[in-house]
PDB file of N, CA and C in Angstrom:
ATOM      1  N   MET A   1     142.251 -77.105-144.853  1.00  0.00           N
ATOM      2  CA  MET A   1     141.589 -75.976-144.229  1.00  0.00           C
ATOM      3  C   MET A   1     141.827 -75.981-142.717  1.00  0.00           C
ATOM      4  N   PHE A   2     141.734 -77.167-142.108  1.00  0.00           N
ATOM      5  CA  PHE A   2     141.928 -77.289-140.663  1.00  0.00           C
ATOM      6  C   PHE A   2     143.356 -76.902-140.279  1.00  0.00           C
ATOM      7  N   PHE A   3     144.339 -77.449-140.995  1.00  0.00           N
ATOM      8  CA  PHE A   3     145.738 -77.153-140.686  1.00  0.00           C
ATOM      9  C   PHE A   3     146.095 -75.717-141.029  1.00  0.00           C
ATOM     10  N   LYS A   4     145.459 -75.166-142.041  1.00  0.00           N
ATOM     11  CA  LYS A   4     145.696 -73.769-142.399  1.00  0.00           C
ATOM     12  C   LYS A   4     145.286 -72.848-141.240  1.00  0.00           C
ATOM     13  N   LYS A   5     144.147 -73.164-140.605  1.00  0.00           N
ATOM     14  CA  LYS A   5     143.672 -72.368-139.472  1.00  0.00           C
ATOM     15  C   LYS A   5     144.609 -72.529-138.269  1.00  0.00           C
ATOM     16  N   ILE A   6     145.111 -73.747-138.047  1.00  0.00           N
ATOM     17  CA  ILE A   6     146.047 -73.979-136.946  1.00  0.00           C
ATOM     18  C   ILE A   6     147.325 -73.181-137.161  1.00  0.00           C
ATOM     19  N   PHE A   7     147.866 -73.225-138.380  1.00  0.00           N
ATOM     20  CA  PHE A   7     149.084 -72.462-138.664  1.00  0.00           C
ATOM     21  C   PHE A   7     148.839 -70.963-138.563  1.00  0.00           C
ATOM     22  N   TYR A   8     147.630 -70.529-138.894  1.00  0.00           N
ATOM     23  CA  TYR A   8     147.287 -69.114-138.751  1.00  0.00           C
ATOM     24  C   TYR A   8     147.327 -68.701-137.278  1.00  0.00           C
ATOM     25  N   TYR A   9     146.766 -69.566-136.388  1.00  0.00           N
ATOM     26  CA  TYR A   9     146.772 -69.263-134.962  1.00  0.00           C
ATOM     27  C   TYR A   9     148.177 -69.324-134.367  1.00  0.00           C
ATOM     28  N   LEU A  10     149.022 -70.205-134.879  1.00  0.00           N
ATOM     29  CA  LEU A  10     150.367 -70.367-134.325  1.00  0.00           C
ATOM     30  C   LEU A  10     151.348 -69.322-134.840  1.00  0.00           C
ATOM     31  N   ASN A  11     150.997 -68.596-135.861  1.00  0.00           N
ATOM     32  CA  ASN A  11     151.868 -67.564-136.407  1.00  0.00           C
ATOM     33  C   ASN A  11     151.940 -66.397-135.427  1.00  0.00           C
ATOM     34  N   PRO A  12     153.138 -66.067-134.922  1.00  0.00           N
ATOM     35  CA  PRO A  12     153.247 -64.972-133.950  1.00  0.00           C
ATOM     36  C   PRO A  12     152.798 -63.611-134.496  1.00  0.00           C
ATOM     37  N   VAL A  13     152.909 -63.419-135.795  1.00  0.00           N
ATOM     38  CA  VAL A  13     152.477 -62.149-136.390  1.00  0.00           C
ATOM     39  C   VAL A  13     150.967 -61.994-136.247  1.00  0.00           C
ATOM     40  N   ASN A  14     150.221 -63.076-136.434  1.00  0.00           N
ATOM     41  CA  ASN A  14     148.763 -63.023-136.351  1.00  0.00           C
ATOM     42  C   ASN A  14     148.256 -63.080-134.917  1.00  0.00           C
ATOM     43  N   LEU A  15     149.111 -63.450-134.000  1.00  0.00           N
ATOM     44  CA  LEU A  15     148.676 -63.595-132.610  1.00  0.00           C
ATOM     45  C   LEU A  15     148.220 -62.260-132.030  1.00  0.00           C
ATOM     46  N   PHE A  16     148.902 -61.182-132.366  1.00  0.00           N
ATOM     47  CA  PHE A  16     148.568 -59.861-131.829  1.00  0.00           C
ATOM     48  C   PHE A  16     148.002 -58.925-132.889  1.00  0.00           C
ATOM     49  N   HIS A  17     147.555 -59.494-134.011  1.00  0.00           N
ATOM     50  CA  HIS A  17     146.976 -58.695-135.092  1.00  0.00           C
ATOM     51  C   HIS A  17     145.568 -58.246-134.704  1.00  0.00           C
ATOM     52  N   ARG A  18     145.254 -56.996-134.958  1.00  0.00           N
ATOM     53  CA  ARG A  18     143.923 -56.471-134.640  1.00  0.00           C
ATOM     54  C   ARG A  18     143.187 -56.135-135.925  1.00  0.00           C
ATOM     55  N   ASP A  19     141.959 -56.583-135.989  1.00  0.00           N
ATOM     56  CA  ASP A  19     141.105 -56.269-137.126  1.00  0.00           C
ATOM     57  C   ASP A  19     140.484 -54.896-136.891  1.00  0.00           C
ATOM     58  N   PRO A  20     140.761 -53.923-137.764  1.00  0.00           N
ATOM     59  CA  PRO A  20     140.233 -52.571-137.509  1.00  0.00           C
ATOM     60  C   PRO A  20     138.715 -52.482-137.609  1.00  0.00           C
ATOM     61  N   GLU A  21     138.076 -53.422-138.301  1.00  0.00           N
ATOM     62  CA  GLU A  21     136.622 -53.373-138.467  1.00  0.00           C
ATOM     63  C   GLU A  21     135.871 -54.036-137.314  1.00  0.00           C
ATOM     64  N   ALA A  22     136.571 -54.789-136.482  1.00  0.00           N
ATOM     65  CA  ALA A  22     135.916 -55.537-135.409  1.00  0.00           C
ATOM     66  C   ALA A  22     135.678 -54.634-134.199  1.00  0.00           C
ATOM     67  N   GLY A  23     134.582 -54.890-133.518  1.00  0.00           N
ATOM     68  CA  GLY A  23     134.269 -54.157-132.297  1.00  0.00           C
ATOM     69  C   GLY A  23     135.045 -54.748-131.125  1.00  0.00           C
ATOM     70  N   ILE A  24     134.896 -54.134-129.965  1.00  0.00           N
ATOM     71  CA  ILE A  24     135.649 -54.570-128.789  1.00  0.00           C
ATOM     72  C   ILE A  24     135.241 -55.970-128.351  1.00  0.00           C
ATOM     73  N   SER A  25     133.954 -56.297-128.430  1.00  0.00           N
ATOM     74  CA  SER A  25     133.512 -57.619-127.982  1.00  0.00           C
ATOM     75  C   SER A  25     134.015 -58.719-128.914  1.00  0.00           C
ATOM     76  N   LEU A  26     134.045 -58.440-130.204  1.00  0.00           N
ATOM     77  CA  LEU A  26     134.558 -59.427-131.159  1.00  0.00           C
ATOM     78  C   LEU A  26     136.056 -59.628-130.986  1.00  0.00           C
ATOM     79  N   ARG A  27     136.796 -58.550-130.741  1.00  0.00           N
ATOM     80  CA  ARG A  27     138.245 -58.678-130.503  1.00  0.00           C
ATOM     81  C   ARG A  27     138.519 -59.462-129.236  1.00  0.00           C
ATOM     82  N   MET A  28     137.728 -59.228-128.185  1.00  0.00           N
ATOM     83  CA  MET A  28     137.896 -59.985-126.941  1.00  0.00           C
ATOM     84  C   MET A  28     137.603 -61.460-127.160  1.00  0.00           C
ATOM     85  N   MET A  29     136.561 -61.753-127.923  1.00  0.00           N
ATOM     86  CA  MET A  29     136.209 -63.139-128.192  1.00  0.00           C
ATOM     87  C   MET A  29     137.327 -63.844-128.959  1.00  0.00           C
ATOM     88  N   HIS A  30     137.892 -63.191-129.942  1.00  0.00           N
ATOM     89  CA  HIS A  30     138.996 -63.783-130.693  1.00  0.00           C
ATOM     90  C   HIS A  30     140.221 -63.972-129.802  1.00  0.00           C
ATOM     91  N   GLY A  31     140.463 -63.043-128.914  1.00  0.00           N
ATOM     92  CA  GLY A  31     141.587 -63.178-127.981  1.00  0.00           C
ATOM     93  C   GLY A  31     141.419 -64.371-127.057  1.00  0.00           C
ATOM     94  N   VAL A  32     140.217 -64.557-126.527  1.00  0.00           N
ATOM     95  CA  VAL A  32     139.945 -65.697-125.653  1.00  0.00           C
ATOM     96  C   VAL A  32     140.081 -66.996-126.441  1.00  0.00           C
ATOM     97  N   ASN A  33     139.605 -67.014-127.684  1.00  0.00           N
ATOM     98  CA  ASN A  33     139.736 -68.209-128.512  1.00  0.00           C
ATOM     99  C   ASN A  33     141.193 -68.563-128.756  1.00  0.00           C
ATOM    100  N   LYS A  34     142.033 -67.574-129.015  1.00  0.00           N
ATOM    101  CA  LYS A  34     143.454 -67.838-129.246  1.00  0.00           C
ATOM    102  C   LYS A  34     144.128 -68.364-127.984  1.00  0.00           C
ATOM    103  N   ILE A  35     143.788 -67.790-126.839  1.00  0.00           N
ATOM    104  CA  ILE A  35     144.370 -68.251-125.580  1.00  0.00           C
ATOM    105  C   ILE A  35     143.945 -69.680-125.292  1.00  0.00           C
ATOM    106  N   SER A  36     142.673 -69.991-125.481  1.00  0.00           N
ATOM    107  CA  SER A  36     142.194 -71.349-125.204  1.00  0.00           C
ATOM    108  C   SER A  36     142.804 -72.351-126.176  1.00  0.00           C
ATOM    109  N   PHE A  37     142.979 -71.972-127.431  1.00  0.00           N
ATOM    110  CA  PHE A  37     143.597 -72.865-128.408  1.00  0.00           C
ATOM    111  C   PHE A  37     145.052 -73.150-128.036  1.00  0.00           C
ATOM    112  N   LEU A  38     145.790 -72.132-127.637  1.00  0.00           N
ATOM    113  CA  LEU A  38     147.183 -72.336-127.235  1.00  0.00           C
ATOM    114  C   LEU A  38     147.279 -73.179-125.968  1.00  0.00           C
ATOM    115  N   MET A  39     146.379 -72.967-125.027  1.00  0.00           N
ATOM    116  CA  MET A  39     146.364 -73.795-123.816  1.00  0.00           C
ATOM    117  C   MET A  39     146.060 -75.252-124.158  1.00  0.00           C
ATOM    118  N   PHE A  40     145.154 -75.484-125.083  1.00  0.00           N
ATOM    119  CA  PHE A  40     144.835 -76.829-125.523  1.00  0.00           C
ATOM    120  C   PHE A  40     146.069 -77.504-126.116  1.00  0.00           C
ATOM    121  N   LEU A  41     146.796 -76.792-126.983  1.00  0.00           N
ATOM    122  CA  LEU A  41     147.997 -77.378-127.582  1.00  0.00           C
ATOM    123  C   LEU A  41     149.058 -77.681-126.531  1.00  0.00           C
ATOM    124  N   VAL A  42     149.225 -76.813-125.548  1.00  0.00           N
ATOM    125  CA  VAL A  42     150.185 -77.059-124.476  1.00  0.00           C
ATOM    126  C   VAL A  42     149.787 -78.301-123.692  1.00  0.00           C
ATOM    127  N   CYS A  43     148.519 -78.447-123.391  1.00  0.00           N
ATOM    128  CA  CYS A  43     148.047 -79.618-122.643  1.00  0.00           C
ATOM    129  C   CYS A  43     148.238 -80.902-123.437  1.00  0.00           C
ATOM    130  N   VAL A  44     148.007 -80.865-124.738  1.00  0.00           N
ATOM    131  CA  VAL A  44     148.221 -82.053-125.565  1.00  0.00           C
ATOM    132  C   VAL A  44     149.696 -82.439-125.561  1.00  0.00           C
ATOM    133  N   VAL A  45     150.575 -81.461-125.649  1.00  0.00           N
ATOM    134  CA  VAL A  45     152.012 -81.747-125.625  1.00  0.00           C
ATOM    135  C   VAL A  45     152.409 -82.340-124.278  1.00  0.00           C
ATOM    136  N   VAL A  46     151.903 -81.787-123.188  1.00  0.00           N
ATOM    137  CA  VAL A  46     152.219 -82.311-121.855  1.00  0.00           C
ATOM    138  C   VAL A  46     151.715 -83.742-121.716  1.00  0.00           C
ATOM    139  N   MET A  47     150.514 -84.018-122.196  1.00  0.00           N
ATOM    140  CA  MET A  47     149.974 -85.376-122.109  1.00  0.00           C
ATOM    141  C   MET A  47     150.807 -86.356-122.940  1.00  0.00           C
ATOM    142  N   LEU A  48     151.241 -85.928-124.120  1.00  0.00           N
ATOM    143  CA  LEU A  48     152.076 -86.795-124.938  1.00  0.00           C
ATOM    144  C   LEU A  48     153.429 -87.074-124.284  1.00  0.00           C
ATOM    145  N   VAL A  49     154.023 -86.069-123.694  1.00  0.00           N
ATOM    146  CA  VAL A  49     155.309 -86.252-123.022  1.00  0.00           C
ATOM    147  C   VAL A  49     155.156 -87.195-121.836  1.00  0.00           C
ATOM    148  N   ARG A  50     154.115 -87.012-121.064  1.00  0.00           N
ATOM    149  CA  ARG A  50     153.883 -87.903-119.894  1.00  0.00           C
ATOM    150  C   ARG A  50     153.625 -89.332-120.349  1.00  0.00           C
ATOM    151  N   TRP A  51     152.927 -89.491-121.467  1.00  0.00           N
ATOM    152  CA  TRP A  51     152.639 -90.819-121.982  1.00  0.00           C
ATOM    153  C   TRP A  51     153.901 -91.494-122.496  1.00  0.00           C
ATOM    154  N   LEU A  52     154.781 -90.717-123.158  1.00  0.00           N
ATOM    155  CA  LEU A  52     156.018 -91.270-123.689  1.00  0.00           C
ATOM    156  C   LEU A  52     157.034 -91.602-122.604  1.00  0.00           C
ATOM    157  N   VAL A  53     157.004 -90.883-121.496  1.00  0.00           N
ATOM    158  CA  VAL A  53     157.951 -91.114-120.408  1.00  0.00           C
ATOM    159  C   VAL A  53     157.633 -92.430-119.699  1.00  0.00           C
ATOM    160  N   ARG A  54     156.374 -92.795-119.640  1.00  0.00           N
ATOM    161  CA  ARG A  54     155.977 -94.035-118.946  1.00  0.00           C
ATOM    162  C   ARG A  54     156.469 -95.198-119.668  1.00  0.00           C
TER     163      ARG A  54
END
């Protein structure tokens, strides 16, 4: 379930998908969640690369 949600967020098709039933505040919240999740993954990759280089 956890990895299924991660793959859902990483899928470029779902990245810009809009739910027609959601209101503007819910769409904004989902957008912020996707941005923060992607930033988290980028930071983890950067930390791993810096750790491996040492």
